Amino acid sequence: MKKNDGLTECARCCRKNLLNCPLTECKMWINYEKDSNCTLVAIYNNDQKPMTLRQIAERLGISFARVKQIETKALAKLKKHLVEKPY
């Protein structure tokens, strides 16, 4: 049975059993035990509200300024893409 909560089976299991994910090779793994070391659990634990840049920085272990730089560059790429290929 497929769930529509956005979690993988692994993340669902870790969240339900309050476990930290041991799969460090997983692309969703982060070094943040408060969210079971999983980006999907982090989003789910935040009631699927957008996280602040400071919350993201804390989870990724980087500075707020670096997260802001990444956000600015990503938004510029999205805008450029939309100008080149409007839908």
Protein backbone atom coordinates (compact mmCIF):
# COMPACT_ATOMS: atom_id res chain seq x y z
CA MET A 1 0.00 0.00 0.00
CA LYS A 2 1.48 3.36 -1.05
CA LYS A 3 1.33 6.23 1.40
CA ASN A 4 1.00 9.81 0.19
CA ASP A 5 2.95 11.42 3.03
CA GLY A 6 6.09 12.00 0.92
CA LEU A 7 8.24 9.77 3.09
CA THR A 8 10.19 6.76 1.93
CA GLU A 9 9.56 3.47 3.72
CA CYS A 10 12.89 3.90 5.52
CA ALA A 11 12.06 7.43 6.71
CA ARG A 12 8.58 6.36 7.79
CA CYS A 13 10.07 3.52 9.86
CA CYS A 14 12.70 5.76 11.49
CA ARG A 15 10.12 8.42 12.31
CA LYS A 16 7.62 5.93 13.74
CA ASN A 17 10.20 4.15 15.90
CA LEU A 18 12.10 7.35 16.83
CA LEU A 19 15.32 5.96 15.35
CA ASN A 20 18.22 7.74 13.73
CA CYS A 21 18.81 6.57 10.18
CA PRO A 22 21.91 4.36 9.95
CA LEU A 23 22.10 4.62 6.13
CA THR A 24 24.80 7.29 5.79
CA GLU A 25 25.14 6.54 2.06
CA CYS A 26 21.50 7.53 1.45
CA LYS A 27 21.13 10.80 -0.49
CA MET A 28 18.53 11.94 2.06
CA TRP A 29 20.87 11.43 5.06
CA ILE A 30 22.00 14.51 7.02
CA ASN A 31 24.11 14.73 10.15
CA TYR A 32 21.27 16.08 12.31
CA GLU A 33 19.98 13.62 14.90
CA LYS A 34 17.02 15.79 15.99
CA ASP A 35 15.42 14.88 12.63
CA SER A 36 16.51 11.22 12.64
CA ASN A 37 19.36 12.08 10.25
CA CYS A 38 16.88 12.34 7.36
CA THR A 39 15.92 15.35 5.24
CA LEU A 40 12.48 13.88 4.63
CA VAL A 41 11.83 13.51 8.36
CA ALA A 42 13.09 17.09 8.85
CA ILE A 43 10.46 18.37 6.44
CA TYR A 44 7.75 16.19 7.98
CA ASN A 45 8.68 17.27 11.53
CA ASN A 46 8.34 20.89 10.47
CA ASP A 47 4.66 20.24 9.63
CA GLN A 48 5.60 20.65 5.96
CA LYS A 49 5.95 24.42 6.45
CA PRO A 50 8.84 26.09 4.67
CA MET A 51 11.96 26.10 6.82
CA THR A 52 13.82 29.31 7.46
CA LEU A 53 17.29 29.67 5.98
CA ARG A 54 18.66 29.51 9.52
CA GLN A 55 16.94 26.15 10.12
CA ILE A 56 18.40 24.82 6.87
CA ALA A 57 21.88 26.07 7.79
CA GLU A 58 21.66 24.37 11.19
CA ARG A 59 20.66 21.06 9.64
CA LEU A 60 23.36 21.16 6.97
CA GLY A 61 26.07 22.43 9.29
CA ILE A 62 26.83 25.48 7.16
CA SER A 63 26.44 29.21 7.73
CA PHE A 64 23.27 31.18 7.15
CA ALA A 65 25.20 33.33 4.67
CA ARG A 66 26.16 30.27 2.59
CA VAL A 67 22.55 29.06 2.49
CA LYS A 68 21.51 32.53 1.32
CA GLN A 69 24.17 32.43 -1.43
CA ILE A 70 22.89 29.04 -2.61
CA GLU A 71 19.29 30.25 -2.56
CA THR A 72 20.14 33.38 -4.57
CA LYS A 73 22.03 31.38 -7.20
CA ALA A 74 19.25 28.78 -7.48
CA LEU A 75 16.57 31.45 -7.90
CA ALA A 76 18.64 33.16 -10.60
CA LYS A 77 18.94 29.86 -12.48
CA LEU A 78 15.19 29.28 -12.22
CA LYS A 79 14.41 32.77 -13.51
CA LYS A 80 16.84 32.34 -16.42
CA HIS A 81 15.27 29.01 -17.32
CA LEU A 82 11.75 30.47 -17.24
CA VAL A 83 12.81 33.31 -19.56
CA GLU A 84 14.43 30.90 -22.01
CA LYS A 85 11.63 28.32 -21.93
CA PRO A 86 8.36 29.86 -20.73
CA TYR A 87 5.55 27.39 -20.22
